[in-house]
Amino acid sequence: MSDADYTRIRVGDVQVGLLGMKESFLEVIRSHEASQWDEQVWSALLELLRRRNYIPSSAEGEYKKAIEREFRTFLGQDVATESPHVMLVQVLGPGCSQCNRLEQVVRSALSELNLPASLEHVTELNEIAKHGVVSTPALVINGKLFCMGKIPSPVKIREWLTKEAPVPSPDSGA
């Protein structure tokens, strides 16, 4: 397996990176008939992925749903996308002082706004390049690139975070 078989997926309200997903999908396609793609297949995929990744037993149900969604997408099937309850905020950069500073400013803004979010500092060049970033630090919120090559003002960051915060559903009690 190569480093190229690293896939980021949403599991519940967080993004995780998994090694060997495409390879596992291909193995299941070879070993199961299409009519057998059910709970047994999702469990088999979970076990294949567990060989290379940490998957907590307490989150198996969420992982199975995410794996099924990714597998169906891999097959080209239409899949209903889930609206995340927590926004994903990514600081992109190799870990230099400017990138670390942007992460601190974002963390502070999230805290001030009391917003639920998954904050990641992405340092892998391949992942950074997937966003079209040519200058770091960069800020991505819910998959959208908001800035690159600079640290925006805290006011601007708070504005973007507020704009991108998920709207709670009426039945969520929030």
Protein backbone atom coordinates (compact mmCIF):
# COMPACT_ATOMS: atom_id res chain seq x y z
CA MET A 1 0.00 0.00 0.00
CA SER A 2 1.30 3.43 -0.86
CA ASP A 3 0.89 6.73 0.95
CA ALA A 4 -1.45 7.68 -1.91
CA ASP A 5 -4.11 5.38 -0.41
CA TYR A 6 -4.89 7.86 2.39
CA THR A 7 -8.46 9.11 2.40
CA ARG A 8 -10.14 11.70 4.60
CA ILE A 9 -13.78 11.02 5.43
CA ARG A 10 -16.37 12.45 7.78
CA VAL A 11 -17.27 10.08 10.60
CA GLY A 12 -20.10 11.54 12.60
CA ASP A 13 -19.12 15.14 13.30
CA VAL A 14 -15.38 14.83 12.71
CA GLN A 15 -13.03 14.26 9.81
CA VAL A 16 -10.67 11.31 10.02
CA GLY A 17 -7.94 10.02 7.76
CA LEU A 18 -7.92 6.34 6.85
CA LEU A 19 -5.17 4.29 5.24
CA GLY A 20 -6.03 1.57 2.74
CA MET A 21 -9.62 2.52 1.97
CA LYS A 22 -9.46 2.15 -1.83
CA GLU A 23 -7.51 -1.08 -1.49
CA SER A 24 -10.15 -2.40 0.96
CA PHE A 25 -12.97 -1.38 -1.38
CA LEU A 26 -11.36 -3.25 -4.26
CA GLU A 27 -10.87 -6.35 -2.09
CA VAL A 28 -14.57 -6.34 -1.14
CA ILE A 29 -15.62 -5.86 -4.77
CA ARG A 30 -13.50 -8.88 -5.75
CA SER A 31 -14.78 -11.08 -2.91
CA HIS A 32 -18.51 -10.21 -2.72
CA GLU A 33 -21.29 -10.09 -5.26
CA ALA A 34 -23.17 -6.82 -5.64
CA SER A 35 -26.28 -8.46 -4.20
CA GLN A 36 -24.35 -9.05 -0.96
CA TRP A 37 -23.54 -5.39 -0.23
CA ASP A 38 -25.28 -5.16 3.09
CA GLU A 39 -24.45 -5.07 6.81
CA GLN A 40 -22.05 -8.00 6.35
CA VAL A 41 -20.02 -6.03 3.78
CA TRP A 42 -19.85 -2.91 5.96
CA SER A 43 -18.59 -5.08 8.84
CA ALA A 44 -16.01 -6.71 6.54
CA LEU A 45 -14.82 -3.29 5.35
CA LEU A 46 -14.60 -2.08 8.93
CA GLU A 47 -12.38 -5.05 9.83
CA LEU A 48 -10.17 -4.57 6.77
CA LEU A 49 -9.70 -0.90 7.64
CA ARG A 50 -9.10 -1.68 11.30
CA ARG A 51 -5.94 -3.58 10.27
CA ARG A 52 -4.25 -0.28 9.34
CA ASN A 53 -6.22 2.29 11.34
CA TYR A 54 -7.37 2.95 14.87
CA ILE A 55 -11.15 2.61 14.95
CA PRO A 56 -12.59 2.85 18.45
CA SER A 57 -15.22 0.23 19.21
CA SER A 58 -17.43 2.95 20.71
CA ALA A 59 -17.66 4.60 17.28
CA GLU A 60 -18.18 1.50 15.10
CA GLY A 61 -21.72 2.48 14.12
CA GLU A 62 -20.62 5.91 12.89
CA TYR A 63 -17.66 4.38 11.03
CA LYS A 64 -19.93 1.80 9.33
CA LYS A 65 -22.27 4.58 8.12
CA ALA A 66 -19.32 6.60 6.84
CA ILE A 67 -17.72 3.57 5.16
CA GLU A 68 -21.01 2.66 3.47
CA ARG A 69 -21.39 6.24 2.21
CA GLU A 70 -17.80 6.30 0.88
CA PHE A 71 -18.13 2.84 -0.70
CA ARG A 72 -21.33 3.81 -2.52
CA THR A 73 -19.64 7.03 -3.68
CA PHE A 74 -16.65 4.96 -4.86
CA LEU A 75 -19.10 2.85 -6.92
CA GLY A 76 -20.59 5.98 -8.47
CA GLN A 77 -23.94 5.60 -6.73
CA ASP A 78 -25.96 8.61 -5.59
CA VAL A 79 -25.52 9.14 -1.89
CA ALA A 80 -27.42 11.54 0.33
CA THR A 81 -24.91 13.75 2.08
CA GLU A 82 -25.29 14.39 5.76
CA SER A 83 -25.11 17.93 6.97
CA PRO A 84 -22.46 18.05 9.66
CA HIS A 85 -23.46 19.29 13.09
CA VAL A 86 -19.95 20.57 13.71
CA MET A 87 -18.01 22.68 11.28
CA LEU A 88 -14.57 21.57 10.11
CA VAL A 89 -11.90 24.26 10.34
CA GLN A 90 -8.50 23.53 8.84
CA VAL A 91 -5.32 25.55 9.09
CA LEU A 92 -3.08 24.52 6.21
CA GLY A 93 0.67 24.90 6.50
CA PRO A 94 3.89 23.09 7.33
CA GLY A 95 3.94 24.16 10.97
CA CYS A 96 5.90 27.39 10.68
CA SER A 97 5.40 30.24 13.14
CA GLN A 98 2.83 31.95 10.86
CA CYS A 99 0.78 28.75 10.52
CA ASN A 100 0.89 28.15 14.26
CA ARG A 101 -0.16 31.76 14.87
CA LEU A 102 -3.17 31.38 12.54
CA GLU A 103 -4.18 28.24 14.43
CA GLN A 104 -4.02 30.17 17.73
CA VAL A 105 -6.13 33.03 16.36
CA VAL A 106 -8.74 30.57 15.00
CA ARG A 107 -8.81 28.62 18.29
CA SER A 108 -9.34 31.88 20.19
CA ALA A 109 -12.14 32.97 17.82
CA LEU A 110 -13.92 29.61 18.15
CA SER A 111 -13.68 29.88 21.91
CA GLU A 112 -15.00 33.48 21.96
CA LEU A 113 -17.91 32.52 19.71
CA ASN A 114 -18.50 29.25 21.60
CA LEU A 115 -18.91 27.39 18.30
CA PRO A 116 -18.68 23.60 18.04
CA ALA A 117 -15.94 22.82 15.55
CA SER A 118 -13.29 20.32 14.66
CA LEU A 119 -10.02 22.27 14.31
CA GLU A 120 -7.20 20.59 12.40
CA HIS A 121 -3.73 21.76 11.47
CA VAL A 122 -2.96 20.03 8.16
CA THR A 123 0.78 19.80 7.47
CA GLU A 124 0.87 17.16 4.71
CA LEU A 125 1.79 18.80 1.41
CA ASN A 126 -0.46 16.50 -0.65
CA GLU A 127 -3.48 17.41 1.49
CA ILE A 128 -2.62 21.12 1.32
CA ALA A 129 -2.29 20.95 -2.48
CA LYS A 130 -5.76 19.37 -2.80
CA HIS A 131 -7.19 22.74 -1.74
CA GLY A 132 -5.27 24.61 -4.46
CA VAL A 133 -3.14 26.36 -1.86
CA VAL A 134 0.13 27.82 -3.17
CA SER A 135 1.02 29.99 -0.19
CA THR A 136 0.67 29.26 3.51
CA PRO A 137 -0.77 29.70 6.01
CA ALA A 138 -4.23 29.04 4.62
CA LEU A 139 -7.65 28.75 6.26
CA VAL A 140 -10.34 26.32 5.08
CA ILE A 141 -13.78 26.21 6.70
CA ASN A 142 -16.16 23.39 5.78
CA GLY A 143 -14.11 22.66 2.66
CA LYS A 144 -14.07 26.27 1.41
CA LEU A 145 -10.78 28.17 1.11
CA PHE A 146 -11.11 31.55 2.83
CA CYS A 147 -7.55 32.86 2.74
CA MET A 148 -3.99 31.92 1.93
CA GLY A 149 -0.60 33.47 2.44
CA LYS A 150 -1.61 35.67 5.37
CA ILE A 151 -3.17 35.81 8.78
CA PRO A 152 -6.49 37.66 8.56
CA SER A 153 -7.68 39.87 11.38
CA PRO A 154 -9.45 38.18 14.29
CA VAL A 155 -12.58 40.17 13.36
CA LYS A 156 -12.55 38.73 9.83
CA ILE A 157 -11.98 35.18 11.11
CA ARG A 158 -14.90 35.52 13.56
CA GLU A 159 -17.07 36.81 10.70
CA TRP A 160 -16.22 33.80 8.52
CA LEU A 161 -16.74 31.31 11.35
CA THR A 162 -20.11 32.82 12.23
CA LYS A 163 -21.19 32.72 8.58
CA GLU A 164 -20.15 29.07 8.17
CA ALA A 165 -21.49 27.75 11.49
CA PRO A 166 -24.08 25.03 10.93
CA VAL A 167 -27.62 26.04 11.72
CA PRO A 168 -29.03 23.71 14.38
CA SER A 169 -32.04 21.70 13.31
CA PRO A 170 -35.31 22.50 15.12
CA ASP A 171 -35.36 19.05 16.75
CA SER A 172 -31.76 19.26 18.04
CA GLY A 173 -32.72 21.31 21.05
CA ALA A 174 -29.99 23.86 20.33
